[in-house]
Amino acid sequence: MIKPKVFGVAIVGSKGQIVIPQEARQEYGIEAGDKVFIISGPPGSKNIIALLTEDGMTEMLQFAEDHALMLKNIVGQVSPKKKKKLWKKSWLI
């Protein structure tokens, strides 16, 4: 498992481009022409974005799908009144 690491700082150029530091590209196997996904951070945050490789995005989507199925089963066992209360507290609203 890769430990969290700061690879450096990228400066946004006049055309909106950034250069991913060499150490990060090597560690994650990113090569010229590869696609990376740029996603927003946690809900409500306007200061966090993340880059994911195509494999990273696939892993994240599989993780989300697996957990969504588990949660669906759990929620199916919760009373309607409790569901409504949980939903109101959810960041999805």
Protein backbone atom coordinates (compact mmCIF):
# COMPACT_ATOMS: atom_id res chain seq x y z
CA MET A 1 0.00 0.00 0.00
CA ILE A 2 1.32 3.42 -0.94
CA LYS A 3 1.60 5.82 1.97
CA PRO A 4 0.31 9.39 1.57
CA LYS A 5 2.97 11.61 0.10
CA VAL A 6 3.39 15.16 -1.16
CA PHE A 7 5.13 15.06 -4.52
CA GLY A 8 5.55 18.80 -4.96
CA VAL A 9 3.67 21.76 -6.34
CA ALA A 10 2.42 22.24 -9.90
CA ILE A 11 1.91 25.69 -11.34
CA VAL A 12 -1.05 26.22 -13.66
CA GLY A 13 0.17 27.64 -16.95
CA SER A 14 -1.56 30.25 -19.10
CA LYS A 15 -3.37 27.47 -21.02
CA GLY A 16 -4.56 25.80 -17.79
CA GLN A 17 -2.00 23.01 -18.00
CA ILE A 18 -0.05 21.51 -15.12
CA VAL A 19 2.96 19.21 -15.03
CA ILE A 20 2.65 16.17 -12.77
CA PRO A 21 5.96 15.83 -10.91
CA GLN A 22 8.26 13.11 -12.29
CA GLU A 23 8.37 11.15 -9.02
CA ALA A 24 4.54 10.96 -8.98
CA ARG A 25 4.41 9.89 -12.64
CA GLN A 26 6.97 7.16 -11.98
CA GLU A 27 5.32 5.91 -8.80
CA TYR A 28 1.88 5.70 -10.41
CA GLY A 29 3.03 4.61 -13.86
CA ILE A 30 1.69 7.69 -15.63
CA GLU A 31 3.15 8.14 -19.11
CA ALA A 32 2.72 10.69 -21.89
CA GLY A 33 -0.68 10.23 -23.52
CA ASP A 34 -2.27 8.53 -20.50
CA LYS A 35 -5.65 9.81 -19.36
CA VAL A 36 -6.22 11.02 -15.82
CA PHE A 37 -9.56 11.85 -14.26
CA ILE A 38 -9.90 15.15 -12.42
CA ILE A 39 -12.57 14.97 -9.74
CA SER A 40 -13.87 17.23 -7.00
CA GLY A 41 -13.14 16.67 -3.35
CA PRO A 42 -15.61 16.07 -0.52
CA PRO A 43 -19.08 17.63 -0.78
CA GLY A 44 -19.04 21.30 0.11
CA SER A 45 -15.32 21.72 -0.54
CA LYS A 46 -14.29 24.12 -3.26
CA ASN A 47 -10.57 23.82 -2.56
CA ILE A 48 -9.88 20.13 -3.18
CA ILE A 49 -9.50 18.29 -6.47
CA ALA A 50 -7.88 14.92 -7.13
CA LEU A 51 -6.26 13.23 -10.09
CA LEU A 52 -6.93 9.55 -10.71
CA THR A 53 -5.37 7.26 -13.27
CA GLU A 54 -7.75 5.17 -15.37
CA ASP A 55 -6.96 2.16 -13.17
CA GLY A 56 -7.52 4.29 -10.07
CA MET A 57 -10.93 5.39 -11.33
CA THR A 58 -11.86 1.78 -12.08
CA GLU A 59 -10.82 0.74 -8.54
CA MET A 60 -12.76 3.62 -6.99
CA LEU A 61 -15.92 2.79 -8.97
CA GLN A 62 -15.66 -0.90 -8.02
CA PHE A 63 -15.22 0.08 -4.36
CA ALA A 64 -18.27 2.35 -4.54
CA GLU A 65 -20.37 -0.32 -6.26
CA ASP A 66 -19.41 -2.98 -3.68
CA HIS A 67 -20.21 -0.67 -0.79
CA ALA A 68 -23.45 0.55 -2.37
CA LEU A 69 -24.70 -3.03 -2.52
CA MET A 70 -23.82 -3.61 1.14
CA LEU A 71 -25.49 -0.35 2.16
CA LYS A 72 -28.59 -1.17 0.13
CA ASN A 73 -28.94 -4.41 2.09
CA ILE A 74 -28.42 -2.62 5.40
CA VAL A 75 -30.88 0.16 4.55
CA GLY A 76 -33.43 -2.49 3.59
CA GLN A 77 -33.37 -3.59 7.23
CA VAL A 78 -33.95 -0.06 8.63
CA SER A 79 -37.44 1.14 9.51
CA PRO A 80 -39.04 3.77 7.22
CA LYS A 81 -39.02 6.33 10.05
CA LYS A 82 -35.30 5.82 10.68
CA LYS A 83 -34.58 5.95 6.91
CA LYS A 84 -36.25 9.36 6.67
CA LYS A 85 -34.19 10.65 9.62
CA LEU A 86 -30.94 9.29 8.14
CA TRP A 87 -31.78 10.77 4.73
CA LYS A 88 -32.32 14.24 6.21
CA LYS A 89 -28.85 14.10 7.80
CA SER A 90 -27.30 12.97 4.54
CA TRP A 91 -25.00 15.26 2.53
CA LEU A 92 -26.99 14.19 -0.53
CA ILE A 93 -29.70 16.72 0.26
